[in-house]
Amino acid sequence: MCRSAGPALAAGSCCGEALAEVEMNAQVGDRIVVKGVRVGDATRIGVVTALRHADGTPPYEVRWLDDGHSGLIFPGPEAHVERGPHHEDR
């Protein structure tokens, strides 16, 4: 476990190991899945209803499936995108 919070972490490495930076990209209709970060936290799923950037980068406006609430999300490392039916197989 790395305990460094210094320049090495900011530069994209931790304790001599490179950290991969993944660019998130979503389109309207995709699902944002946010896994709980603590024991007992539920996984939340939101459907992207609007984009703030035409290139599909965050933040996203989503409607949460568990309670119907809509909001703006800036996804963190615990989140990933599941493609909606509008994407073609490539």
C-alpha atoms as a PDB file:
ATOM      1  CA  MET A   1       0.000   0.000   0.000  1.00  0.00           C
ATOM      2  CA  CYS A   2       1.354   3.386  -0.939  1.00  0.00           C
ATOM      3  CA  ARG A   3       1.240   6.097   1.684  1.00  0.00           C
ATOM      4  CA  SER A   4       2.825   8.775  -0.480  1.00  0.00           C
ATOM      5  CA  ALA A   5       0.798  11.869  -1.188  1.00  0.00           C
ATOM      6  CA  GLY A   6       3.697  13.857  -2.539  1.00  0.00           C
ATOM      7  CA  PRO A   7       4.828  14.831  -6.031  1.00  0.00           C
ATOM      8  CA  ALA A   8       5.245  11.217  -7.203  1.00  0.00           C
ATOM      9  CA  LEU A   9       1.521  10.599  -6.824  1.00  0.00           C
ATOM     10  CA  ALA A  10       0.609  13.796  -8.619  1.00  0.00           C
ATOM     11  CA  ALA A  11       2.970  12.863 -11.447  1.00  0.00           C
ATOM     12  CA  GLY A  12       1.124   9.601 -12.066  1.00  0.00           C
ATOM     13  CA  SER A  13       3.177   7.104 -10.113  1.00  0.00           C
ATOM     14  CA  CYS A  14       3.043   5.703  -6.629  1.00  0.00           C
ATOM     15  CA  CYS A  15       5.877   3.998  -4.791  1.00  0.00           C
ATOM     16  CA  GLY A  16       7.703   3.479  -8.080  1.00  0.00           C
ATOM     17  CA  GLU A  17       4.672   2.016  -9.873  1.00  0.00           C
ATOM     18  CA  ALA A  18       2.963   3.867 -12.704  1.00  0.00           C
ATOM     19  CA  LEU A  19      -0.728   4.584 -12.248  1.00  0.00           C
ATOM     20  CA  ALA A  20      -2.898   4.329 -15.345  1.00  0.00           C
ATOM     21  CA  GLU A  21      -5.125   7.314 -16.020  1.00  0.00           C
ATOM     22  CA  VAL A  22      -8.341   6.303 -17.728  1.00  0.00           C
ATOM     23  CA  GLU A  23     -10.381   8.892 -19.568  1.00  0.00           C
ATOM     24  CA  MET A  24     -14.093   8.407 -19.063  1.00  0.00           C
ATOM     25  CA  ASN A  25     -16.342   8.917 -22.043  1.00  0.00           C
ATOM     26  CA  ALA A  26     -20.124   8.506 -22.148  1.00  0.00           C
ATOM     27  CA  GLN A  27     -23.085   9.382 -24.323  1.00  0.00           C
ATOM     28  CA  VAL A  28     -26.746  10.013 -23.550  1.00  0.00           C
ATOM     29  CA  GLY A  29     -28.350   6.664 -22.705  1.00  0.00           C
ATOM     30  CA  ASP A  30     -25.202   5.109 -21.218  1.00  0.00           C
ATOM     31  CA  ARG A  31     -25.232   3.981 -17.611  1.00  0.00           C
ATOM     32  CA  ILE A  32     -22.823   5.256 -14.995  1.00  0.00           C
ATOM     33  CA  VAL A  33     -22.216   2.550 -12.395  1.00  0.00           C
ATOM     34  CA  VAL A  34     -20.807   3.791  -9.090  1.00  0.00           C
ATOM     35  CA  LYS A  35     -19.567   1.087  -6.738  1.00  0.00           C
ATOM     36  CA  GLY A  36     -19.697   1.676  -2.992  1.00  0.00           C
ATOM     37  CA  VAL A  37     -16.369   2.564  -1.420  1.00  0.00           C
ATOM     38  CA  ARG A  38     -17.167   1.349   2.108  1.00  0.00           C
ATOM     39  CA  VAL A  39     -18.534  -1.933   3.400  1.00  0.00           C
ATOM     40  CA  GLY A  40     -22.315  -1.805   3.168  1.00  0.00           C
ATOM     41  CA  ASP A  41     -22.412   0.908   0.490  1.00  0.00           C
ATOM     42  CA  ALA A  42     -24.758   0.038  -2.346  1.00  0.00           C
ATOM     43  CA  THR A  43     -23.828   0.214  -6.009  1.00  0.00           C
ATOM     44  CA  ARG A  44     -25.734   3.029  -7.723  1.00  0.00           C
ATOM     45  CA  ILE A  45     -26.669   3.120 -11.387  1.00  0.00           C
ATOM     46  CA  GLY A  46     -27.563   6.293 -13.228  1.00  0.00           C
ATOM     47  CA  VAL A  47     -28.617   6.807 -16.834  1.00  0.00           C
ATOM     48  CA  VAL A  48     -26.871   9.686 -18.616  1.00  0.00           C
ATOM     49  CA  THR A  49     -29.578  12.160 -19.633  1.00  0.00           C
ATOM     50  CA  ALA A  50     -27.391  15.046 -20.822  1.00  0.00           C
ATOM     51  CA  LEU A  51     -23.782  15.901 -21.552  1.00  0.00           C
ATOM     52  CA  ARG A  52     -21.986  19.061 -20.512  1.00  0.00           C
ATOM     53  CA  HIS A  53     -19.238  18.476 -23.123  1.00  0.00           C
ATOM     54  CA  ALA A  54     -19.864  17.354 -26.706  1.00  0.00           C
ATOM     55  CA  ASP A  55     -16.835  15.017 -26.567  1.00  0.00           C
ATOM     56  CA  GLY A  56     -18.515  12.881 -23.877  1.00  0.00           C
ATOM     57  CA  THR A  57     -16.163  13.739 -21.016  1.00  0.00           C
ATOM     58  CA  PRO A  58     -17.477  14.436 -17.490  1.00  0.00           C
ATOM     59  CA  PRO A  59     -19.449  15.829 -15.849  1.00  0.00           C
ATOM     60  CA  TYR A  60     -22.723  14.144 -16.745  1.00  0.00           C
ATOM     61  CA  GLU A  61     -26.346  14.772 -15.887  1.00  0.00           C
ATOM     62  CA  VAL A  62     -27.838  11.469 -14.734  1.00  0.00           C
ATOM     63  CA  ARG A  63     -31.129  10.053 -13.493  1.00  0.00           C
ATOM     64  CA  TRP A  64     -30.516   7.568 -10.679  1.00  0.00           C
ATOM     65  CA  LEU A  65     -32.451   4.340 -11.141  1.00  0.00           C
ATOM     66  CA  ASP A  66     -32.841   3.620  -7.420  1.00  0.00           C
ATOM     67  CA  ASP A  67     -34.793   6.780  -6.565  1.00  0.00           C
ATOM     68  CA  GLY A  68     -35.445   8.669  -9.827  1.00  0.00           C
ATOM     69  CA  HIS A  69     -33.441  11.678  -8.601  1.00  0.00           C
ATOM     70  CA  SER A  70     -31.576  13.642 -11.281  1.00  0.00           C
ATOM     71  CA  GLY A  71     -28.267  15.327 -10.692  1.00  0.00           C
ATOM     72  CA  LEU A  72     -24.819  16.231 -11.962  1.00  0.00           C
ATOM     73  CA  ILE A  73     -21.987  13.745 -11.431  1.00  0.00           C
ATOM     74  CA  PHE A  74     -18.248  14.134 -11.689  1.00  0.00           C
ATOM     75  CA  PRO A  75     -17.368  10.391 -11.660  1.00  0.00           C
ATOM     76  CA  GLY A  76     -14.446   9.211  -9.569  1.00  0.00           C
ATOM     77  CA  PRO A  77     -12.310   6.069  -9.803  1.00  0.00           C
ATOM     78  CA  GLU A  78     -15.108   3.937  -8.344  1.00  0.00           C
ATOM     79  CA  ALA A  79     -17.300   4.624 -11.393  1.00  0.00           C
ATOM     80  CA  HIS A  80     -17.420   3.113 -14.861  1.00  0.00           C
ATOM     81  CA  VAL A  81     -19.564   3.433 -17.985  1.00  0.00           C
ATOM     82  CA  GLU A  82     -21.800   0.723 -19.382  1.00  0.00           C
ATOM     83  CA  ARG A  83     -22.693   1.452 -22.984  1.00  0.00           C
ATOM     84  CA  GLY A  84     -26.328   1.968 -23.904  1.00  0.00           C
ATOM     85  CA  PRO A  85     -28.118   0.400 -26.857  1.00  0.00           C
ATOM     86  CA  HIS A  86     -27.158   3.287 -29.173  1.00  0.00           C
ATOM     87  CA  HIS A  87     -23.532   2.112 -29.511  1.00  0.00           C
ATOM     88  CA  GLU A  88     -22.649  -0.026 -32.511  1.00  0.00           C
ATOM     89  CA  ASP A  89     -20.305  -2.997 -32.168  1.00  0.00           C
ATOM     90  CA  ARG A  90     -16.894  -1.954 -33.344  1.00  0.00           C
END
